């Protein structure tokens, strides 16, 4: 456990660890309905980044999570290689660059199948329905429901 904490908060992995905490906080806010999953879609053109039509928040989550795993793996392998301290310090930025590049490639590969799950047009909502809204009431004997809706009178 001590090695995990040391590596997770060591140099190359620390950058992805901080970003992973931010991503977890964002998805917690989405879960609590305080933010929307497509909050950043108007800011970035995912087509220009060759990510398809996946929301930016989803693509960023995949990039950061895979980058964190790759940087963590590279840091553990680098620590277990028993290299000289100076050589290990020189190779740490290479682990960061390799983890970032490999994570970008993985994100692009994963984003293409994910794009099918996010259609261009949102589905119908209750605001799209014409007319006034009604109220569904449940009566005590189970299974008995009634729908009350205001009636429009033409006159």
Protein backbone atom coordinates (compact mmCIF):
# COMPACT_ATOMS: atom_id res chain seq x y z
CA UNK A 1 0.00 0.00 0.00
CA UNK A 2 2.86 2.34 0.78
CA UNK A 3 4.37 1.79 -2.67
CA UNK A 4 1.03 2.57 -4.33
CA UNK A 5 0.65 5.87 -2.45
CA UNK A 6 4.29 6.77 -3.14
CA UNK A 7 3.92 6.11 -6.87
CA UNK A 8 0.43 7.65 -7.18
CA UNK A 9 1.67 10.91 -5.67
CA UNK A 10 5.12 10.82 -7.28
CA UNK A 11 6.16 13.04 -10.18
CA UNK A 12 4.79 11.60 -13.40
CA UNK A 13 1.63 10.17 -11.90
CA UNK A 14 0.83 13.16 -9.68
CA UNK A 15 -0.34 15.28 -12.63
CA UNK A 16 -2.85 12.64 -13.66
CA UNK A 17 -3.81 11.98 -10.00
CA UNK A 18 -4.85 15.59 -9.49
CA UNK A 19 -6.79 15.57 -12.77
CA UNK A 20 -8.46 12.30 -11.76
CA UNK A 21 -9.69 13.88 -8.51
CA UNK A 22 -11.15 16.79 -10.53
CA UNK A 23 -12.87 14.35 -12.92
CA UNK A 24 -14.31 12.36 -10.01
CA UNK A 25 -15.63 15.61 -8.52
CA UNK A 26 -17.21 16.59 -11.83
CA UNK A 27 -18.98 13.24 -12.22
CA UNK A 28 -20.15 13.47 -8.59
CA UNK A 29 -21.73 16.85 -9.43
CA UNK A 30 -23.35 15.29 -12.51
CA UNK A 31 -24.67 12.48 -10.35
CA UNK A 32 -26.13 15.03 -7.91
CA UNK A 33 -27.67 16.90 -10.87
CA UNK A 34 -25.61 20.02 -10.12
CA UNK A 35 -23.88 19.88 -13.52
CA UNK A 36 -24.64 18.42 -16.94
CA UNK A 37 -22.52 15.84 -18.70
CA UNK A 38 -22.34 18.05 -21.80
CA UNK A 39 -21.30 21.20 -19.94
CA UNK A 40 -18.14 21.71 -21.98
CA UNK A 41 -19.41 20.70 -25.41
CA UNK A 42 -19.81 24.24 -26.70
CA UNK A 43 -16.22 25.09 -25.78
CA UNK A 44 -14.32 22.41 -27.71
CA UNK A 45 -14.83 20.97 -31.18
CA UNK A 46 -14.30 17.23 -30.74
CA UNK A 47 -14.38 16.69 -34.50
CA UNK A 48 -11.21 18.79 -34.84
CA UNK A 49 -9.57 16.61 -32.21
CA UNK A 50 -10.67 13.50 -34.12
CA UNK A 51 -12.77 12.23 -31.22
CA UNK A 52 -16.04 11.93 -33.08
CA UNK A 53 -19.20 13.25 -31.46
CA UNK A 54 -18.41 12.12 -27.94
CA UNK A 55 -19.02 14.76 -25.25
CA UNK A 56 -15.85 16.49 -24.10
CA UNK A 57 -16.40 15.41 -20.51
CA UNK A 58 -16.51 11.74 -21.52
CA UNK A 59 -13.42 12.03 -23.74
CA UNK A 60 -11.52 13.89 -21.00
CA UNK A 61 -12.49 11.24 -18.46
CA UNK A 62 -11.23 8.44 -20.69
CA UNK A 63 -8.00 10.37 -21.40
CA UNK A 64 -7.30 11.15 -17.74
CA UNK A 65 -8.21 7.71 -16.40
CA UNK A 66 -6.15 5.84 -18.98
CA UNK A 67 -3.28 8.32 -18.60
CA UNK A 68 -3.31 7.81 -14.85
CA UNK A 69 -3.21 4.02 -15.22
CA UNK A 70 -0.40 4.17 -17.79
CA UNK A 71 1.66 6.68 -15.77
CA UNK A 72 1.15 4.60 -12.63
CA UNK A 73 2.26 1.44 -14.44
CA UNK A 74 5.27 3.18 -15.98
CA UNK A 75 6.31 4.64 -12.62
CA UNK A 76 6.08 1.25 -10.89
CA UNK A 77 8.15 -0.38 -13.63
CA UNK A 78 10.69 2.44 -13.43
CA UNK A 79 10.96 2.12 -9.64
CA UNK A 80 11.39 -1.64 -9.80
CA UNK A 81 14.09 -1.41 -12.47
CA UNK A 82 16.68 -0.44 -9.81
CA UNK A 83 18.22 2.26 -11.97
CA UNK A 84 20.51 4.97 -10.70
CA UNK A 85 18.65 7.92 -9.19
CA UNK A 86 19.87 10.32 -11.89
CA UNK A 87 18.81 8.00 -14.72
CA UNK A 88 15.42 7.42 -13.08
CA UNK A 89 14.95 11.20 -12.81
CA UNK A 90 15.73 11.57 -16.51
CA UNK A 91 13.29 8.83 -17.50
CA UNK A 92 10.37 10.13 -15.40
CA UNK A 93 9.43 12.86 -17.92
CA UNK A 94 9.59 10.22 -20.65
CA UNK A 95 7.03 8.17 -18.70
CA UNK A 96 4.77 11.25 -18.57
CA UNK A 97 5.09 11.87 -22.31
CA UNK A 98 4.60 8.21 -23.23
CA UNK A 99 1.58 7.90 -20.91
CA UNK A 100 0.03 11.04 -22.44
CA UNK A 101 0.58 9.91 -26.03
CA UNK A 102 -0.66 6.38 -25.37
CA UNK A 103 -3.66 7.75 -23.47
CA UNK A 104 -4.53 10.04 -26.38
CA UNK A 105 -4.36 7.08 -28.77
CA UNK A 106 -6.55 4.97 -26.44
CA UNK A 107 -9.05 7.81 -26.09
CA UNK A 108 -9.37 8.11 -29.87
CA UNK A 109 -9.86 4.34 -30.20
CA UNK A 110 -12.46 4.20 -27.43
CA UNK A 111 -14.29 7.37 -28.53
CA UNK A 112 -15.35 5.96 -31.90
CA UNK A 113 -17.56 3.19 -30.47
CA UNK A 114 -18.78 5.51 -27.69
CA UNK A 115 -20.00 8.07 -30.24
CA UNK A 116 -22.94 5.78 -31.07
CA UNK A 117 -24.21 6.14 -27.49
CA UNK A 118 -24.46 9.94 -27.77
CA UNK A 119 -26.87 10.96 -30.55
CA UNK A 120 -26.70 14.45 -32.07
CA UNK A 121 -30.26 15.33 -31.16
CA UNK A 122 -31.47 15.07 -27.57
CA UNK A 123 -34.53 12.95 -26.90
CA UNK A 124 -37.97 14.35 -26.21
CA UNK A 125 -38.52 15.96 -22.84
CA UNK A 126 -41.69 16.94 -21.09
CA UNK A 127 -41.13 20.57 -22.15
CA UNK A 128 -41.49 19.42 -25.77
CA UNK A 129 -45.00 18.10 -25.21
CA UNK A 130 -47.82 20.48 -26.13
CA UNK A 131 -50.50 21.50 -23.69
CA UNK A 132 -50.65 21.79 -19.94
CA UNK A 133 -49.11 19.21 -17.68
CA UNK A 134 -51.23 16.79 -15.72
CA UNK A 135 -50.93 15.12 -12.33
CA UNK A 136 -50.82 11.40 -11.62
CA UNK A 137 -52.48 10.38 -8.37
CA UNK A 138 -52.24 7.02 -6.69
CA UNK A 139 -55.17 5.82 -4.62
CA UNK A 140 -54.82 3.53 -1.66
CA UNK A 141 -55.72 0.14 -3.17
CA UNK A 142 -52.57 -0.78 -5.01
CA UNK A 143 -52.74 -0.60 -8.74
CA UNK A 144 -55.40 2.11 -8.96
CA UNK A 145 -54.17 5.34 -10.50
CA UNK A 146 -55.91 8.33 -11.95
CA UNK A 147 -54.61 11.06 -14.21
CA UNK A 148 -55.97 14.54 -13.76
CA UNK A 149 -55.24 17.15 -16.38
CA UNK A 150 -56.58 20.65 -16.82
CA UNK A 151 -59.20 20.93 -19.53
CA UNK A 152 -59.00 23.67 -22.13
CA UNK A 153 -62.33 25.18 -23.04
CA UNK A 154 -62.87 26.94 -26.29
CA UNK A 155 -65.38 29.61 -26.16
